[in-house]
Amino acid sequence: MRAAFFLPVLAGPFTILGAPAPSTDLTVTNKRQLVKPPPCVRSCEVTVEETQARHEKFANAFIVKRDLTEAFKYIAEDYINHNPLAQNGSDSAWSILSPIWGNQSITVLGTRFIYPQGWLNYQSTFGTVVDRFRWEGGCIAEHWDQGEQMPA
């Protein structure tokens, strides 16, 4: 009877030796820290073709790679957000998206650009989404996502 009581007490410290070592891999123990880039600065010298190329790069970063740091390089600091649950400005969008975007499962359904606007259509954890962006001076100046449709 005494052995049944003392054996677990004596063996207790040694069971720690059999436990797996804590991970020193920071990607496992900590989420990757996102860094908000400086906002996009408008330029009157940006052409329609350059704006379309920027839209394609933004779409790739935002919904293919889900790289917010890269995607936010195309958003103007004072951009207008027409989503009623969000405030205007890139800081508001960053604070909403940065904690959740990397965990989204996204299926790209399509993209479109008709100057000065671009559309992204995708399936995510939130359902089917159509984001519409107005580009100005090579930067995203305005955003809509409520009831938007992809243009034909």
Protein backbone atom coordinates (compact mmCIF):
# COMPACT_ATOMS: atom_id res chain seq x y z
CA MET A 1 0.00 0.00 0.00
CA ARG A 2 2.83 2.40 0.89
CA ALA A 3 4.58 1.60 -2.38
CA ALA A 4 1.43 2.50 -4.30
CA PHE A 5 1.45 5.92 -2.63
CA PHE A 6 5.20 6.69 -2.83
CA LEU A 7 5.92 5.36 -6.32
CA PRO A 8 3.98 8.13 -8.20
CA VAL A 9 5.45 10.78 -5.89
CA LEU A 10 9.00 9.57 -6.53
CA ALA A 11 8.46 9.01 -10.26
CA GLY A 12 6.73 12.37 -10.80
CA PRO A 13 9.86 14.44 -11.47
CA PHE A 14 11.11 11.87 -13.98
CA THR A 15 7.95 11.96 -16.09
CA ILE A 16 8.93 15.50 -17.09
CA LEU A 17 12.07 14.09 -18.70
CA GLY A 18 9.90 12.00 -21.03
CA ALA A 19 7.77 14.96 -22.13
CA PRO A 20 8.55 16.56 -25.47
CA ALA A 21 10.80 19.59 -25.33
CA PRO A 22 9.12 22.96 -25.82
CA SER A 23 9.34 24.19 -29.39
CA THR A 24 11.92 26.85 -30.11
CA ASP A 25 10.48 27.42 -33.59
CA LEU A 26 8.94 30.89 -33.38
CA THR A 27 6.59 30.18 -36.27
CA VAL A 28 4.98 27.48 -34.17
CA THR A 29 4.86 29.32 -30.85
CA ASN A 30 4.01 32.82 -32.12
CA LYS A 31 1.88 34.09 -34.97
CA ARG A 32 3.82 35.98 -37.60
CA GLN A 33 3.80 39.66 -36.74
CA LEU A 34 2.29 41.71 -39.54
CA VAL A 35 3.75 45.09 -40.31
CA LYS A 36 1.49 47.78 -41.74
CA PRO A 37 3.29 49.45 -44.64
CA PRO A 38 3.24 53.19 -45.32
CA PRO A 39 0.06 54.16 -47.18
CA CYS A 40 -0.05 54.55 -50.95
CA VAL A 41 0.66 58.10 -52.12
CA ARG A 42 -1.37 59.25 -55.13
CA SER A 43 0.40 60.45 -58.25
CA CYS A 44 -1.22 62.21 -61.21
CA GLU A 45 1.44 60.60 -63.43
CA VAL A 46 0.12 57.04 -63.01
CA THR A 47 -1.45 55.79 -66.26
CA VAL A 48 -4.56 53.67 -66.73
CA GLU A 49 -2.34 50.71 -67.67
CA GLU A 50 -0.21 51.16 -64.54
CA THR A 51 -3.35 51.37 -62.42
CA GLN A 52 -4.62 48.12 -63.91
CA ALA A 53 -1.26 46.47 -63.17
CA ARG A 54 -1.46 47.77 -59.60
CA HIS A 55 -4.98 46.34 -59.28
CA GLU A 56 -3.71 42.93 -60.42
CA LYS A 57 -0.81 43.06 -57.94
CA PHE A 58 -3.20 44.12 -55.17
CA ALA A 59 -5.61 41.27 -56.01
CA ASN A 60 -2.77 38.74 -56.00
CA ALA A 61 -1.48 39.95 -52.63
CA PHE A 62 -4.91 40.29 -51.03
CA ILE A 63 -6.83 37.18 -52.08
CA VAL A 64 -4.24 34.80 -53.54
CA LYS A 65 -1.27 35.20 -51.19
CA ARG A 66 -3.34 36.73 -48.34
CA ASP A 67 -0.38 39.06 -47.73
CA LEU A 68 -1.88 42.14 -46.06
CA THR A 69 1.44 43.93 -45.82
CA GLU A 70 1.83 43.81 -49.59
CA ALA A 71 -1.86 44.52 -50.30
CA PHE A 72 -1.95 47.59 -48.06
CA LYS A 73 0.84 49.22 -50.09
CA TYR A 74 -1.92 50.07 -52.59
CA ILE A 75 -4.39 51.64 -50.14
CA ALA A 76 -4.42 55.41 -49.59
CA GLU A 77 -4.37 56.56 -45.99
CA ASP A 78 -7.61 58.52 -46.36
CA TYR A 79 -9.54 55.95 -48.37
CA ILE A 80 -13.31 55.90 -47.96
CA ASN A 81 -14.86 52.67 -46.75
CA HIS A 82 -18.57 52.30 -47.53
CA ASN A 83 -18.99 49.26 -45.26
CA PRO A 84 -21.30 50.44 -42.45
CA LEU A 85 -19.34 48.41 -39.89
CA ALA A 86 -16.00 50.06 -40.70
CA GLN A 87 -14.62 53.55 -40.43
CA ASN A 88 -12.82 55.40 -43.18
CA GLY A 89 -9.04 55.21 -43.50
CA SER A 90 -6.47 52.51 -43.97
CA ASP A 91 -5.80 52.28 -40.22
CA SER A 92 -9.38 51.15 -39.59
CA ALA A 93 -9.22 48.52 -42.33
CA TRP A 94 -5.87 47.28 -41.02
CA SER A 95 -7.19 46.93 -37.46
CA ILE A 96 -10.18 44.92 -38.73
CA LEU A 97 -8.36 42.65 -41.17
CA SER A 98 -4.89 42.06 -39.71
CA PRO A 99 -6.01 39.81 -36.83
CA ILE A 100 -8.14 37.56 -39.06
CA TRP A 101 -7.02 37.68 -42.68
CA GLY A 102 -4.22 35.11 -42.50
CA ASN A 103 -6.67 32.50 -41.17
CA GLN A 104 -9.19 32.95 -43.97
CA SER A 105 -9.75 30.15 -46.43
CA ILE A 106 -10.16 31.91 -49.78
CA THR A 107 -11.23 30.63 -53.17
CA VAL A 108 -10.79 33.21 -55.92
CA LEU A 109 -13.85 33.42 -58.16
CA GLY A 110 -12.68 36.29 -60.35
CA THR A 111 -11.20 39.76 -60.68
CA ARG A 112 -12.06 42.59 -63.03
CA PHE A 113 -10.77 46.06 -63.81
CA ILE A 114 -12.69 48.77 -65.66
CA TYR A 115 -10.92 52.06 -65.08
CA PRO A 116 -11.10 53.59 -62.51
CA GLN A 117 -12.62 50.65 -60.63
CA GLY A 118 -11.58 47.12 -59.83
CA TRP A 119 -13.53 44.18 -58.43
CA LEU A 120 -12.50 41.09 -56.47
CA ASN A 121 -14.88 38.15 -56.20
CA TYR A 122 -14.02 35.35 -53.80
CA GLN A 123 -15.41 32.77 -51.42
CA SER A 124 -14.19 33.05 -47.83
CA THR A 125 -15.19 32.20 -44.30
CA PHE A 126 -17.61 35.14 -44.59
CA GLY A 127 -19.34 33.65 -47.67
CA THR A 128 -19.23 34.92 -51.24
CA VAL A 129 -17.76 38.41 -51.37
CA VAL A 130 -17.52 41.05 -54.08
CA ASP A 131 -15.24 43.95 -53.16
CA ARG A 132 -15.29 47.02 -55.41
CA PHE A 133 -12.44 49.51 -55.29
CA ARG A 134 -12.11 52.94 -56.89
CA TRP A 135 -8.55 53.74 -57.91
CA GLU A 136 -7.19 57.28 -57.95
CA GLY A 137 -3.63 58.28 -58.75
CA GLY A 138 -2.53 54.63 -58.60
CA CYS A 139 -4.02 54.07 -55.12
CA ILE A 140 -7.22 52.59 -53.74
CA ALA A 141 -9.28 55.61 -52.73
CA GLU A 142 -12.66 54.01 -52.04
CA HIS A 143 -14.15 50.59 -51.17
CA TRP A 144 -17.61 48.99 -51.31
CA ASP A 145 -18.59 45.45 -50.30
CA GLN A 146 -22.32 45.56 -49.53
CA GLY A 147 -24.50 44.06 -52.28
CA GLU A 148 -21.84 44.49 -54.98
CA GLN A 149 -21.99 42.49 -58.20
CA MET A 150 -19.22 41.58 -60.61
CA PRO A 151 -19.57 43.46 -63.89
CA ALA A 152 -20.22 41.39 -67.01
